């Protein structure tokens, strides 16, 4: 399946514009690491009790660059080691 067909299928499935998809990193060029541990519950401050990311950060995660994700992963590691 060509990359264009994959993007088109993704756009239809998730309702994203072609411009939004073009701006996001693709799985073919940039793997997306994630601190998610499968305990997806937000506390009163809208922070996930599992991975410690904010609801906004979880929403934006796939559109961040690999460097941005790595910086956040390092910050989350520091938070975890402080507790």
N, C-alpha and C. Protein backbone atom coordinates (compact mmCIF):
# COMPACT_ATOMS: atom_id res chain seq x y z
N UNK A 1 0.86 -1.18 0.00
CA UNK A 1 0.00 0.00 0.00
C UNK A 1 0.90 1.24 0.00
N UNK A 2 0.62 2.19 -0.84
CA UNK A 2 1.46 3.39 -0.92
C UNK A 2 1.21 4.29 0.28
N UNK A 3 2.21 5.15 0.55
CA UNK A 3 2.09 6.08 1.69
C UNK A 3 0.91 7.03 1.49
N UNK A 4 0.67 7.48 0.27
CA UNK A 4 -0.46 8.37 0.01
C UNK A 4 -1.79 7.70 0.33
N UNK A 5 -1.91 6.42 -0.01
CA UNK A 5 -3.15 5.70 0.28
C UNK A 5 -3.33 5.51 1.79
N UNK A 6 -2.24 5.26 2.50
CA UNK A 6 -2.30 5.13 3.95
C UNK A 6 -2.76 6.44 4.56
N UNK A 7 -2.17 7.55 4.13
CA UNK A 7 -2.54 8.87 4.66
C UNK A 7 -4.00 9.16 4.36
N UNK A 8 -4.45 8.86 3.15
CA UNK A 8 -5.84 9.10 2.77
C UNK A 8 -6.77 8.29 3.65
N UNK A 9 -6.44 7.03 3.87
CA UNK A 9 -7.26 6.16 4.71
C UNK A 9 -7.29 6.68 6.14
N UNK A 10 -6.16 7.10 6.66
CA UNK A 10 -6.07 7.64 8.01
C UNK A 10 -6.92 8.90 8.13
N UNK A 11 -6.85 9.76 7.12
CA UNK A 11 -7.61 11.00 7.12
C UNK A 11 -9.11 10.73 7.20
N UNK A 12 -9.58 9.79 6.42
CA UNK A 12 -11.01 9.46 6.41
C UNK A 12 -11.40 8.84 7.75
N UNK A 13 -10.59 7.93 8.24
CA UNK A 13 -10.91 7.23 9.48
C UNK A 13 -10.95 8.16 10.68
N UNK A 14 -9.98 9.07 10.79
CA UNK A 14 -9.87 9.90 11.97
C UNK A 14 -10.32 11.35 11.76
N UNK A 15 -10.80 11.67 10.57
CA UNK A 15 -11.33 13.00 10.31
C UNK A 15 -10.30 14.11 10.32
N UNK A 16 -9.07 13.80 9.96
CA UNK A 16 -8.02 14.81 9.93
C UNK A 16 -7.85 15.36 8.52
N UNK A 17 -7.52 16.62 8.45
CA UNK A 17 -7.31 17.23 7.14
C UNK A 17 -5.97 16.77 6.57
N UNK A 18 -5.85 16.77 5.24
CA UNK A 18 -4.56 16.41 4.64
C UNK A 18 -3.43 17.30 5.14
N UNK A 19 -3.71 18.59 5.40
CA UNK A 19 -2.69 19.50 5.90
C UNK A 19 -2.21 19.07 7.29
N UNK A 20 -3.14 18.67 8.15
CA UNK A 20 -2.78 18.22 9.50
C UNK A 20 -1.95 16.95 9.43
N UNK A 21 -2.30 16.06 8.53
CA UNK A 21 -1.57 14.81 8.39
C UNK A 21 -0.17 15.07 7.85
N UNK A 22 -0.06 15.98 6.90
CA UNK A 22 1.25 16.29 6.32
C UNK A 22 2.17 16.91 7.37
N UNK A 23 1.62 17.66 8.31
CA UNK A 23 2.42 18.32 9.35
C UNK A 23 2.87 17.34 10.43
N UNK A 24 2.16 16.26 10.60
CA UNK A 24 2.48 15.28 11.64
C UNK A 24 3.57 14.33 11.15
N UNK A 25 4.43 13.87 12.07
CA UNK A 25 5.44 12.89 11.66
C UNK A 25 4.77 11.59 11.24
N UNK A 26 5.37 10.89 10.30
CA UNK A 26 4.78 9.62 9.86
C UNK A 26 5.49 8.46 10.53
N UNK A 27 4.80 7.38 10.67
CA UNK A 27 5.37 6.18 11.28
C UNK A 27 6.52 5.65 10.45
N UNK A 28 6.51 5.94 9.15
CA UNK A 28 7.57 5.45 8.28
C UNK A 28 8.88 6.18 8.51
N UNK A 29 8.83 7.46 8.92
CA UNK A 29 10.05 8.23 9.07
C UNK A 29 10.43 8.50 10.52
N UNK A 30 9.48 8.47 11.44
CA UNK A 30 9.74 8.85 12.82
C UNK A 30 8.89 8.02 13.78
N UNK A 31 9.45 6.98 14.37
CA UNK A 31 8.64 6.20 15.31
C UNK A 31 8.22 7.05 16.50
N UNK A 32 7.02 6.82 16.99
CA UNK A 32 6.49 7.60 18.10
C UNK A 32 6.62 6.80 19.38
N UNK A 33 7.53 7.26 20.25
CA UNK A 33 7.66 6.64 21.56
C UNK A 33 6.58 7.22 22.46
N UNK A 34 6.20 6.52 23.48
CA UNK A 34 5.15 7.02 24.36
C UNK A 34 5.38 6.53 25.79
N UNK A 35 5.12 7.39 26.76
CA UNK A 35 5.24 6.97 28.16
C UNK A 35 3.99 6.25 28.67
N UNK A 36 3.00 6.06 27.81
CA UNK A 36 1.75 5.44 28.23
C UNK A 36 2.02 4.03 28.78
N UNK A 37 1.42 3.76 29.96
CA UNK A 37 1.57 2.43 30.56
C UNK A 37 0.23 1.71 30.66
N UNK A 38 -0.78 2.28 30.00
CA UNK A 38 -2.08 1.62 29.94
C UNK A 38 -2.99 1.88 31.13
N UNK A 39 -2.60 2.80 32.00
CA UNK A 39 -3.45 3.19 33.12
C UNK A 39 -3.95 4.60 32.81
N UNK A 40 -4.91 4.69 31.95
CA UNK A 40 -5.35 5.97 31.38
C UNK A 40 -6.52 6.54 32.18
N UNK A 41 -6.18 7.18 33.30
CA UNK A 41 -7.17 7.81 34.16
C UNK A 41 -6.66 9.18 34.54
N UNK A 42 -7.48 10.21 34.33
CA UNK A 42 -7.09 11.57 34.66
C UNK A 42 -7.52 11.92 36.08
N UNK A 43 -6.64 12.63 36.81
CA UNK A 43 -7.00 13.09 38.14
C UNK A 43 -7.74 14.43 38.05
N UNK A 44 -7.98 15.07 39.18
CA UNK A 44 -8.72 16.32 39.20
C UNK A 44 -8.03 17.44 38.43
N UNK A 45 -6.70 17.39 38.35
CA UNK A 45 -5.91 18.40 37.65
C UNK A 45 -5.73 18.06 36.17
N UNK A 46 -6.42 17.01 35.69
CA UNK A 46 -6.34 16.52 34.31
C UNK A 46 -4.94 16.01 33.96
N UNK A 47 -4.31 15.35 34.95
CA UNK A 47 -3.02 14.69 34.76
C UNK A 47 -3.26 13.19 34.82
N UNK A 48 -2.71 12.47 33.87
CA UNK A 48 -2.89 11.01 33.85
C UNK A 48 -2.16 10.38 35.03
N UNK A 49 -2.87 9.55 35.79
CA UNK A 49 -2.25 8.89 36.94
C UNK A 49 -1.25 7.83 36.51
N UNK A 50 -1.35 7.36 35.28
CA UNK A 50 -0.41 6.34 34.78
C UNK A 50 0.89 6.93 34.28
N UNK A 51 0.82 7.83 33.29
CA UNK A 51 2.04 8.33 32.64
C UNK A 51 2.44 9.73 33.10
N UNK A 52 1.60 10.40 33.87
CA UNK A 52 1.86 11.73 34.43
C UNK A 52 1.82 12.86 33.39
N UNK A 53 1.28 12.60 32.20
CA UNK A 53 1.14 13.68 31.21
C UNK A 53 -0.20 14.36 31.40
N UNK A 54 -0.25 15.63 31.00
CA UNK A 54 -1.52 16.37 31.04
C UNK A 54 -2.41 15.88 29.91
N UNK A 55 -3.70 16.13 30.03
CA UNK A 55 -4.63 15.76 28.98
C UNK A 55 -4.24 16.43 27.66
N UNK A 56 -3.81 17.69 27.74
CA UNK A 56 -3.38 18.40 26.53
C UNK A 56 -2.16 17.72 25.89
N UNK A 57 -1.21 17.32 26.71
CA UNK A 57 -0.01 16.67 26.18
C UNK A 57 -0.36 15.34 25.53
N UNK A 58 -1.25 14.58 26.13
CA UNK A 58 -1.67 13.31 25.54
C UNK A 58 -2.30 13.56 24.17
N UNK A 59 -3.11 14.58 24.08
CA UNK A 59 -3.78 14.91 22.83
C UNK A 59 -2.79 15.32 21.75
N UNK A 60 -1.77 16.08 22.13
CA UNK A 60 -0.80 16.61 21.15
C UNK A 60 0.33 15.64 20.84
N UNK A 61 0.47 14.57 21.59
CA UNK A 61 1.64 13.70 21.54
C UNK A 61 2.04 13.29 20.13
N UNK A 62 1.12 12.82 19.32
CA UNK A 62 1.48 12.31 18.00
C UNK A 62 1.89 13.40 17.03
N UNK A 63 1.62 14.66 17.33
CA UNK A 63 2.03 15.73 16.43
C UNK A 63 3.36 16.36 16.84
N UNK A 64 3.94 15.92 17.94
CA UNK A 64 5.22 16.45 18.40
C UNK A 64 6.38 15.80 17.65
N UNK A 65 7.48 16.51 17.54
CA UNK A 65 8.67 15.94 16.91
C UNK A 65 9.30 14.92 17.85
N UNK A 66 10.18 14.11 17.32
CA UNK A 66 10.87 13.11 18.14
C UNK A 66 11.67 13.80 19.25
N UNK A 67 12.29 14.95 18.95
CA UNK A 67 13.05 15.68 19.96
C UNK A 67 12.15 16.20 21.07
N UNK A 68 10.97 16.72 20.70
CA UNK A 68 10.03 17.21 21.71
C UNK A 68 9.55 16.06 22.60
N UNK A 69 9.24 14.92 21.98
CA UNK A 69 8.80 13.76 22.77
C UNK A 69 9.90 13.29 23.71
N UNK A 70 11.15 13.28 23.21
CA UNK A 70 12.27 12.83 24.03
C UNK A 70 12.48 13.76 25.21
N UNK A 71 12.34 15.07 25.01
CA UNK A 71 12.46 16.03 26.12
C UNK A 71 11.41 15.78 27.18
N UNK A 72 10.20 15.51 26.74
CA UNK A 72 9.10 15.25 27.68
C UNK A 72 9.35 13.93 28.42
N UNK A 73 9.83 12.93 27.70
CA UNK A 73 10.14 11.64 28.34
C UNK A 73 11.18 11.84 29.44
N UNK A 74 12.20 12.66 29.17
CA UNK A 74 13.25 12.92 30.18
C UNK A 74 12.66 13.64 31.39
N UNK A 75 11.79 14.62 31.14
CA UNK A 75 11.16 15.34 32.25
C UNK A 75 10.27 14.41 33.07
N UNK A 76 9.56 13.51 32.40
CA UNK A 76 8.71 12.55 33.12
C UNK A 76 9.57 11.59 33.95
N UNK A 77 10.73 11.21 33.43
CA UNK A 77 11.65 10.36 34.20
C UNK A 77 12.10 11.06 35.46
N UNK A 78 12.39 12.37 35.38
CA UNK A 78 12.78 13.14 36.55
C UNK A 78 11.66 13.20 37.58
N UNK A 79 10.43 13.42 37.12
CA UNK A 79 9.28 13.44 38.02
C UNK A 79 9.16 12.11 38.74
N UNK A 80 9.30 11.03 38.00
CA UNK A 80 9.18 9.69 38.57
C UNK A 80 10.27 9.43 39.59
N UNK A 81 11.52 9.86 39.31
CA UNK A 81 12.62 9.59 40.24
C UNK A 81 12.53 10.46 41.49
N UNK A 82 11.81 11.58 41.43
CA UNK A 82 11.62 12.44 42.60
C UNK A 82 10.62 11.86 43.59
N UNK A 83 9.80 10.91 43.14
CA UNK A 83 8.76 10.36 44.03
C UNK A 83 9.16 9.06 44.62
